[in-house]
Amino acid sequence: MTKNEMIDLVARKAHLTRKAAKESIDIFLEETTKALKKGDKIVLSGFGTFKVVNVKDKPVIIPRTGEKRIIKAHRAARFHAGKPLQRAVR
């Protein structure tokens, strides 16, 4: 599902205009991004948890060239699905 499809779905189900639905989704995504940038954890009960993890240096081999490189330590966003979401997907 694309963002535009999600906007149409939210507009239809929540009886909102497309503009209001787009604004709602944009605000949700913007605030989620801000919280993760700060390192906060976002818990959506019944859906899942978004959090930031620290990834250590990691040696890799480039398959095409066989060259060895090191991917430097960085922060990455992770999502862990809640039990209701896991059950629904099964």
C-alpha atoms as a PDB file:
ATOM      1  CA  MET A   1       0.000   0.000   0.000  1.00  0.00           C
ATOM      2  CA  THR A   2       1.337   3.412  -0.917  1.00  0.00           C
ATOM      3  CA  LYS A   3       1.000   6.610   1.072  1.00  0.00           C
ATOM      4  CA  ASN A   4      -1.628   7.910  -1.372  1.00  0.00           C
ATOM      5  CA  GLU A   5      -3.654   4.716  -1.024  1.00  0.00           C
ATOM      6  CA  MET A   6      -3.446   5.058   2.770  1.00  0.00           C
ATOM      7  CA  ILE A   7      -4.624   8.682   2.566  1.00  0.00           C
ATOM      8  CA  ASP A   8      -7.627   7.651   0.453  1.00  0.00           C
ATOM      9  CA  LEU A   9      -8.473   4.830   2.852  1.00  0.00           C
ATOM     10  CA  VAL A  10      -8.246   7.029   5.961  1.00  0.00           C
ATOM     11  CA  ALA A  11     -10.310   9.757   4.286  1.00  0.00           C
ATOM     12  CA  ARG A  12     -13.027   7.282   3.363  1.00  0.00           C
ATOM     13  CA  LYS A  13     -13.146   5.359   6.670  1.00  0.00           C
ATOM     14  CA  ALA A  14     -12.827   8.402   8.959  1.00  0.00           C
ATOM     15  CA  HIS A  15     -15.227  10.509   6.853  1.00  0.00           C
ATOM     16  CA  LEU A  16     -12.549  13.160   6.326  1.00  0.00           C
ATOM     17  CA  THR A  17     -11.582  15.172   3.324  1.00  0.00           C
ATOM     18  CA  ARG A  18      -8.549  13.899   1.469  1.00  0.00           C
ATOM     19  CA  LYS A  19      -6.667  17.028   2.555  1.00  0.00           C
ATOM     20  CA  ALA A  20      -7.460  16.409   6.254  1.00  0.00           C
ATOM     21  CA  ALA A  21      -6.452  12.743   5.989  1.00  0.00           C
ATOM     22  CA  LYS A  22      -3.173  13.679   4.273  1.00  0.00           C
ATOM     23  CA  GLU A  23      -2.426  16.248   6.962  1.00  0.00           C
ATOM     24  CA  SER A  24      -3.154  13.702   9.722  1.00  0.00           C
ATOM     25  CA  ILE A  25      -0.859  11.093   8.224  1.00  0.00           C
ATOM     26  CA  ASP A  26       1.877  13.655   7.518  1.00  0.00           C
ATOM     27  CA  ILE A  27       1.740  14.889  11.126  1.00  0.00           C
ATOM     28  CA  PHE A  28       1.898  11.315  12.445  1.00  0.00           C
ATOM     29  CA  LEU A  29       4.935  10.519  10.291  1.00  0.00           C
ATOM     30  CA  GLU A  30       6.640  13.814  11.129  1.00  0.00           C
ATOM     31  CA  GLU A  31       6.177  13.397  14.893  1.00  0.00           C
ATOM     32  CA  THR A  32       7.279   9.755  14.723  1.00  0.00           C
ATOM     33  CA  THR A  33      10.440  10.822  12.902  1.00  0.00           C
ATOM     34  CA  LYS A  34      11.144  13.579  15.457  1.00  0.00           C
ATOM     35  CA  ALA A  35      10.713  11.169  18.385  1.00  0.00           C
ATOM     36  CA  LEU A  36      12.999   8.568  16.821  1.00  0.00           C
ATOM     37  CA  LYS A  37      15.615  11.250  16.041  1.00  0.00           C
ATOM     38  CA  LYS A  38      15.662  12.084  19.757  1.00  0.00           C
ATOM     39  CA  GLY A  39      16.062   8.382  20.568  1.00  0.00           C
ATOM     40  CA  ASP A  40      12.580   7.971  22.057  1.00  0.00           C
ATOM     41  CA  LYS A  41      10.633   4.736  21.821  1.00  0.00           C
ATOM     42  CA  ILE A  42       7.123   4.811  20.325  1.00  0.00           C
ATOM     43  CA  VAL A  43       4.680   2.200  21.603  1.00  0.00           C
ATOM     44  CA  LEU A  44       1.379   1.761  19.751  1.00  0.00           C
ATOM     45  CA  SER A  45      -0.630  -0.730  21.818  1.00  0.00           C
ATOM     46  CA  GLY A  46      -1.955  -3.580  19.716  1.00  0.00           C
ATOM     47  CA  PHE A  47       0.256  -2.634  16.779  1.00  0.00           C
ATOM     48  CA  GLY A  48       3.915  -2.534  17.749  1.00  0.00           C
ATOM     49  CA  THR A  49       6.946  -0.583  18.915  1.00  0.00           C
ATOM     50  CA  PHE A  50       9.325   1.667  17.006  1.00  0.00           C
ATOM     51  CA  LYS A  51      12.744   2.229  18.568  1.00  0.00           C
ATOM     52  CA  VAL A  52      16.278   3.306  17.723  1.00  0.00           C
ATOM     53  CA  VAL A  53      19.161   0.867  18.157  1.00  0.00           C
ATOM     54  CA  ASN A  54      22.905   1.400  18.000  1.00  0.00           C
ATOM     55  CA  VAL A  55      24.585  -0.788  15.379  1.00  0.00           C
ATOM     56  CA  LYS A  56      28.257  -1.625  15.912  1.00  0.00           C
ATOM     57  CA  ASP A  57      31.020  -1.568  13.275  1.00  0.00           C
ATOM     58  CA  LYS A  58      30.526  -4.495  10.926  1.00  0.00           C
ATOM     59  CA  PRO A  59      33.014  -6.024   8.466  1.00  0.00           C
ATOM     60  CA  VAL A  60      31.508  -6.877   5.069  1.00  0.00           C
ATOM     61  CA  ILE A  61      32.752  -8.269   1.772  1.00  0.00           C
ATOM     62  CA  ILE A  62      31.525  -6.658  -1.465  1.00  0.00           C
ATOM     63  CA  PRO A  63      30.440  -9.687  -3.570  1.00  0.00           C
ATOM     64  CA  ARG A  64      31.170  -8.093  -6.939  1.00  0.00           C
ATOM     65  CA  THR A  65      34.768  -7.153  -6.158  1.00  0.00           C
ATOM     66  CA  GLY A  66      35.628  -9.306  -3.147  1.00  0.00           C
ATOM     67  CA  GLU A  67      36.780  -6.121  -1.408  1.00  0.00           C
ATOM     68  CA  LYS A  68      36.609  -6.055   2.398  1.00  0.00           C
ATOM     69  CA  ARG A  69      35.114  -2.963   4.033  1.00  0.00           C
ATOM     70  CA  ILE A  70      33.843  -1.897   7.404  1.00  0.00           C
ATOM     71  CA  ILE A  71      30.389  -0.403   7.825  1.00  0.00           C
ATOM     72  CA  LYS A  72      30.796   2.195  10.564  1.00  0.00           C
ATOM     73  CA  ALA A  73      28.716   2.206  13.728  1.00  0.00           C
ATOM     74  CA  HIS A  74      25.418   4.020  13.322  1.00  0.00           C
ATOM     75  CA  ARG A  75      21.901   4.315  14.685  1.00  0.00           C
ATOM     76  CA  ALA A  76      19.011   2.541  12.969  1.00  0.00           C
ATOM     77  CA  ALA A  77      15.239   2.468  13.381  1.00  0.00           C
ATOM     78  CA  ARG A  78      13.641  -0.868  14.239  1.00  0.00           C
ATOM     79  CA  PHE A  79      10.033  -2.040  14.473  1.00  0.00           C
ATOM     80  CA  HIS A  80       8.798  -4.898  16.621  1.00  0.00           C
ATOM     81  CA  ALA A  81       5.250  -6.042  15.873  1.00  0.00           C
ATOM     82  CA  GLY A  82       2.856  -6.449  18.795  1.00  0.00           C
ATOM     83  CA  LYS A  83       1.105  -9.771  19.444  1.00  0.00           C
ATOM     84  CA  PRO A  84      -2.254  -8.754  17.893  1.00  0.00           C
ATOM     85  CA  LEU A  85      -0.480  -7.706  14.675  1.00  0.00           C
ATOM     86  CA  GLN A  86       1.570 -10.908  14.623  1.00  0.00           C
ATOM     87  CA  ARG A  87      -1.585 -13.003  15.033  1.00  0.00           C
ATOM     88  CA  ALA A  88      -3.396 -11.066  12.307  1.00  0.00           C
ATOM     89  CA  VAL A  89      -0.562 -11.590   9.821  1.00  0.00           C
ATOM     90  CA  ARG A  90      -0.371 -15.322  10.448  1.00  0.00           C
END
